[in-house]
Amino acid sequence: MSYSLGFSQAIAATIYIADKVEQGYFEFTPTAQLAQNLNIPRPTVAKILQSLNYAGIIETREGAKGGVRLAKPADQVTVLDIFMAIERERPLFQTRLNIQVTGKKPTLVQESISTLLSDAEIAMKNSLKQTTIADLMAAINIE
């Protein structure tokens, strides 16, 4: 099992939203334009934005000047926040091996694999927690 493409799309969408608002193009970024410019199908954008909204990362406005914008400053939104909004608590690795052999070695094998992969996922999440949307925006705004 792997994480969905939606996670990467959500990062790109969040950066796009923050960037367009920061540049003064919009107070709220139109969702149709976001979908078109990022080449993400509208139903997928709707699902991503719903998850980001539910997590408190973005806020929405209806109407002609409606759309989405960050609900808090970009330096307060981590990539882990986006990850948790999109992937929720879905684990990256499935570790239930359902080994039929019993005994100390098979048990230790399963425990060792589970610990290894759990530690790897924790390290990944810790890394995502260290990067904010503002960090990513600073990296792309080099002139």
C-alpha atoms as a PDB file:
ATOM      1  CA  MET A   1       0.000   0.000   0.000  1.00  0.00           C
ATOM      2  CA  SER A   2       1.236   3.489  -0.695  1.00  0.00           C
ATOM      3  CA  TYR A   3      -0.046   6.930   0.040  1.00  0.00           C
ATOM      4  CA  SER A   4      -2.315   8.467  -2.555  1.00  0.00           C
ATOM      5  CA  LEU A   5      -1.402  10.930  -5.279  1.00  0.00           C
ATOM      6  CA  GLY A   6      -3.877  13.179  -3.481  1.00  0.00           C
ATOM      7  CA  PHE A   7      -1.230  13.959  -0.869  1.00  0.00           C
ATOM      8  CA  SER A   8       1.170  15.408  -3.455  1.00  0.00           C
ATOM      9  CA  GLN A   9      -1.714  17.169  -5.180  1.00  0.00           C
ATOM     10  CA  ALA A  10      -2.815  18.658  -1.850  1.00  0.00           C
ATOM     11  CA  ILE A  11       0.672  20.040  -1.209  1.00  0.00           C
ATOM     12  CA  ALA A  12       0.728  21.603  -4.680  1.00  0.00           C
ATOM     13  CA  ALA A  13      -2.789  23.003  -4.218  1.00  0.00           C
ATOM     14  CA  THR A  14      -1.937  24.487  -0.829  1.00  0.00           C
ATOM     15  CA  ILE A  15       1.172  26.174  -2.226  1.00  0.00           C
ATOM     16  CA  TYR A  16      -0.829  27.448  -5.216  1.00  0.00           C
ATOM     17  CA  ILE A  17      -3.559  28.859  -2.960  1.00  0.00           C
ATOM     18  CA  ALA A  18      -1.082  30.550  -0.640  1.00  0.00           C
ATOM     19  CA  ASP A  19       0.982  31.929  -3.510  1.00  0.00           C
ATOM     20  CA  LYS A  20      -1.951  33.421  -5.436  1.00  0.00           C
ATOM     21  CA  VAL A  21      -3.325  35.110  -2.319  1.00  0.00           C
ATOM     22  CA  GLU A  22       0.146  36.310  -1.245  1.00  0.00           C
ATOM     23  CA  GLN A  23       0.766  37.824  -4.684  1.00  0.00           C
ATOM     24  CA  GLY A  24      -2.543  39.668  -4.442  1.00  0.00           C
ATOM     25  CA  TYR A  25      -4.206  37.934  -7.385  1.00  0.00           C
ATOM     26  CA  PHE A  26      -7.148  36.896  -5.224  1.00  0.00           C
ATOM     27  CA  GLU A  27      -8.497  37.213  -1.728  1.00  0.00           C
ATOM     28  CA  PHE A  28      -9.881  33.703  -2.278  1.00  0.00           C
ATOM     29  CA  THR A  29      -8.434  31.506  -5.030  1.00  0.00           C
ATOM     30  CA  PRO A  30     -11.118  30.200  -7.423  1.00  0.00           C
ATOM     31  CA  THR A  31     -11.288  26.415  -7.274  1.00  0.00           C
ATOM     32  CA  ALA A  32     -11.989  26.029 -10.993  1.00  0.00           C
ATOM     33  CA  GLN A  33      -8.791  27.914 -11.826  1.00  0.00           C
ATOM     34  CA  LEU A  34      -6.835  25.852  -9.293  1.00  0.00           C
ATOM     35  CA  ALA A  35      -8.086  22.624 -10.901  1.00  0.00           C
ATOM     36  CA  GLN A  36      -7.293  23.848 -14.410  1.00  0.00           C
ATOM     37  CA  ASN A  37      -3.852  25.284 -13.666  1.00  0.00           C
ATOM     38  CA  LEU A  38      -2.693  22.268 -11.659  1.00  0.00           C
ATOM     39  CA  ASN A  39      -4.324  19.822 -14.090  1.00  0.00           C
ATOM     40  CA  ILE A  40      -6.216  18.056 -11.321  1.00  0.00           C
ATOM     41  CA  PRO A  41      -9.746  16.840 -12.101  1.00  0.00           C
ATOM     42  CA  ARG A  42     -12.404  18.979 -10.424  1.00  0.00           C
ATOM     43  CA  PRO A  43     -13.862  16.084  -8.404  1.00  0.00           C
ATOM     44  CA  THR A  44     -10.381  15.347  -7.048  1.00  0.00           C
ATOM     45  CA  VAL A  45      -9.828  19.021  -6.195  1.00  0.00           C
ATOM     46  CA  ALA A  46     -13.191  19.082  -4.418  1.00  0.00           C
ATOM     47  CA  LYS A  47     -12.239  16.052  -2.338  1.00  0.00           C
ATOM     48  CA  ILE A  48      -8.802  17.483  -1.494  1.00  0.00           C
ATOM     49  CA  LEU A  49     -10.226  20.878  -0.550  1.00  0.00           C
ATOM     50  CA  GLN A  50     -12.918  19.251   1.570  1.00  0.00           C
ATOM     51  CA  SER A  51     -10.235  17.375   3.523  1.00  0.00           C
ATOM     52  CA  LEU A  52      -8.072  20.492   3.895  1.00  0.00           C
ATOM     53  CA  ASN A  53     -11.088  22.518   5.015  1.00  0.00           C
ATOM     54  CA  TYR A  54     -12.151  19.887   7.536  1.00  0.00           C
ATOM     55  CA  ALA A  55      -8.605  19.926   8.961  1.00  0.00           C
ATOM     56  CA  GLY A  56      -8.702  23.716   9.337  1.00  0.00           C
ATOM     57  CA  ILE A  57      -5.945  24.328   6.785  1.00  0.00           C
ATOM     58  CA  ILE A  58      -8.088  26.308   4.350  1.00  0.00           C
ATOM     59  CA  GLU A  59     -11.281  28.288   4.508  1.00  0.00           C
ATOM     60  CA  THR A  60     -13.845  28.687   1.769  1.00  0.00           C
ATOM     61  CA  ARG A  61     -16.177  31.376   0.499  1.00  0.00           C
ATOM     62  CA  GLU A  62     -19.151  30.898  -1.784  1.00  0.00           C
ATOM     63  CA  GLY A  63     -20.148  33.243  -4.581  1.00  0.00           C
ATOM     64  CA  ALA A  64     -18.694  35.161  -7.493  1.00  0.00           C
ATOM     65  CA  LYS A  65     -15.582  36.218  -5.549  1.00  0.00           C
ATOM     66  CA  GLY A  66     -15.448  32.945  -3.688  1.00  0.00           C
ATOM     67  CA  GLY A  67     -12.894  30.215  -3.551  1.00  0.00           C
ATOM     68  CA  VAL A  68     -10.359  29.091  -0.987  1.00  0.00           C
ATOM     69  CA  ARG A  69      -7.500  30.552   1.032  1.00  0.00           C
ATOM     70  CA  LEU A  70      -5.327  29.411   3.903  1.00  0.00           C
ATOM     71  CA  ALA A  71      -7.076  29.543   7.257  1.00  0.00           C
ATOM     72  CA  LYS A  72      -3.797  30.386   9.002  1.00  0.00           C
ATOM     73  CA  PRO A  73      -0.403  31.777   7.959  1.00  0.00           C
ATOM     74  CA  ALA A  74       1.696  29.620   5.637  1.00  0.00           C
ATOM     75  CA  ASP A  75       4.432  29.345   8.262  1.00  0.00           C
ATOM     76  CA  GLN A  76       1.937  27.618  10.560  1.00  0.00           C
ATOM     77  CA  VAL A  77       0.900  24.948   8.047  1.00  0.00           C
ATOM     78  CA  THR A  78       3.271  21.980   7.945  1.00  0.00           C
ATOM     79  CA  VAL A  79       3.466  19.337   5.278  1.00  0.00           C
ATOM     80  CA  LEU A  80       2.525  16.902   8.059  1.00  0.00           C
ATOM     81  CA  ASP A  81      -0.716  18.860   8.580  1.00  0.00           C
ATOM     82  CA  ILE A  82      -1.555  18.304   4.915  1.00  0.00           C
ATOM     83  CA  PHE A  83      -0.512  14.669   5.122  1.00  0.00           C
ATOM     84  CA  MET A  84      -2.784  14.065   8.107  1.00  0.00           C
ATOM     85  CA  ALA A  85      -5.681  15.833   6.364  1.00  0.00           C
ATOM     86  CA  ILE A  86      -5.384  13.690   3.243  1.00  0.00           C
ATOM     87  CA  GLU A  87      -4.115  10.335   4.480  1.00  0.00           C
ATOM     88  CA  ARG A  88      -5.623  10.519   7.958  1.00  0.00           C
ATOM     89  CA  GLU A  89      -4.274   7.682  10.072  1.00  0.00           C
ATOM     90  CA  ARG A  90      -3.754   5.276   7.179  1.00  0.00           C
ATOM     91  CA  PRO A  91      -0.460   3.442   7.674  1.00  0.00           C
ATOM     92  CA  LEU A  92       2.115   3.357   4.901  1.00  0.00           C
ATOM     93  CA  PHE A  93       3.168  -0.201   5.639  1.00  0.00           C
ATOM     94  CA  GLN A  94       0.973  -3.182   6.328  1.00  0.00           C
ATOM     95  CA  THR A  95       2.784  -5.378   8.827  1.00  0.00           C
ATOM     96  CA  ARG A  96       0.295  -8.118   9.660  1.00  0.00           C
ATOM     97  CA  LEU A  97       2.056 -10.999   7.991  1.00  0.00           C
ATOM     98  CA  ASN A  98      -0.264 -13.718   9.264  1.00  0.00           C
ATOM     99  CA  ILE A  99       2.626 -16.160   9.538  1.00  0.00           C
ATOM    100  CA  GLN A 100       1.419 -19.731   9.956  1.00  0.00           C
ATOM    101  CA  VAL A 101       4.578 -21.002  11.646  1.00  0.00           C
ATOM    102  CA  THR A 102       4.637 -20.511  15.395  1.00  0.00           C
ATOM    103  CA  GLY A 103       7.481 -20.107  17.790  1.00  0.00           C
ATOM    104  CA  LYS A 104      10.014 -17.612  18.976  1.00  0.00           C
ATOM    105  CA  LYS A 105      11.733 -16.913  15.615  1.00  0.00           C
ATOM    106  CA  PRO A 106       8.571 -16.243  13.589  1.00  0.00           C
ATOM    107  CA  THR A 107       7.281 -13.992  16.356  1.00  0.00           C
ATOM    108  CA  LEU A 108      10.582 -12.095  16.486  1.00  0.00           C
ATOM    109  CA  VAL A 109      10.627 -11.774  12.685  1.00  0.00           C
ATOM    110  CA  GLN A 110       7.177 -10.204  12.668  1.00  0.00           C
ATOM    111  CA  GLU A 111       8.037  -7.904  15.593  1.00  0.00           C
ATOM    112  CA  SER A 112      11.306  -6.844  13.948  1.00  0.00           C
ATOM    113  CA  ILE A 113       9.634  -6.038  10.635  1.00  0.00           C
ATOM    114  CA  SER A 114       6.836  -4.146  12.357  1.00  0.00           C
ATOM    115  CA  THR A 115       9.277  -2.096  14.454  1.00  0.00           C
ATOM    116  CA  LEU A 116      11.507  -1.306  11.467  1.00  0.00           C
ATOM    117  CA  LEU A 117       8.667  -0.105   9.282  1.00  0.00           C
ATOM    118  CA  SER A 118       6.935   1.768  12.097  1.00  0.00           C
ATOM    119  CA  ASP A 119      10.180   3.591  12.892  1.00  0.00           C
ATOM    120  CA  ALA A 120      10.595   4.494   9.206  1.00  0.00           C
ATOM    121  CA  GLU A 121       7.099   5.947   9.058  1.00  0.00           C
ATOM    122  CA  ILE A 122       7.660   7.928  12.262  1.00  0.00           C
ATOM    123  CA  ALA A 123      10.890   9.347  10.822  1.00  0.00           C
ATOM    124  CA  MET A 124       9.059  10.348   7.650  1.00  0.00           C
ATOM    125  CA  LYS A 125       6.332  12.111   9.629  1.00  0.00           C
ATOM    126  CA  ASN A 126       8.932  13.904  11.744  1.00  0.00           C
ATOM    127  CA  SER A 127      10.559  15.126   8.541  1.00  0.00           C
ATOM    128  CA  LEU A 128       7.232  16.355   7.135  1.00  0.00           C
ATOM    129  CA  LYS A 129       6.574  18.180  10.398  1.00  0.00           C
ATOM    130  CA  GLN A 130       9.779  20.217   9.917  1.00  0.00           C
ATOM    131  CA  THR A 131       8.683  21.775   6.608  1.00  0.00           C
ATOM    132  CA  THR A 132       6.015  24.448   6.307  1.00  0.00           C
ATOM    133  CA  ILE A 133       4.174  25.782   3.289  1.00  0.00           C
ATOM    134  CA  ALA A 134       6.130  29.013   3.822  1.00  0.00           C
ATOM    135  CA  ASP A 135       9.375  27.028   3.524  1.00  0.00           C
ATOM    136  CA  LEU A 136       8.245  25.517   0.226  1.00  0.00           C
ATOM    137  CA  MET A 137       7.075  28.899  -1.049  1.00  0.00           C
ATOM    138  CA  ALA A 138      10.448  30.440  -0.161  1.00  0.00           C
ATOM    139  CA  ALA A 139      12.157  27.689  -2.156  1.00  0.00           C
ATOM    140  CA  ILE A 140      10.106  28.443  -5.289  1.00  0.00           C
ATOM    141  CA  ASN A 141      10.264  32.231  -4.982  1.00  0.00           C
ATOM    142  CA  ILE A 142      14.001  32.447  -5.578  1.00  0.00           C
ATOM    143  CA  GLU A 143      14.628  35.060  -8.231  1.00  0.00           C
END
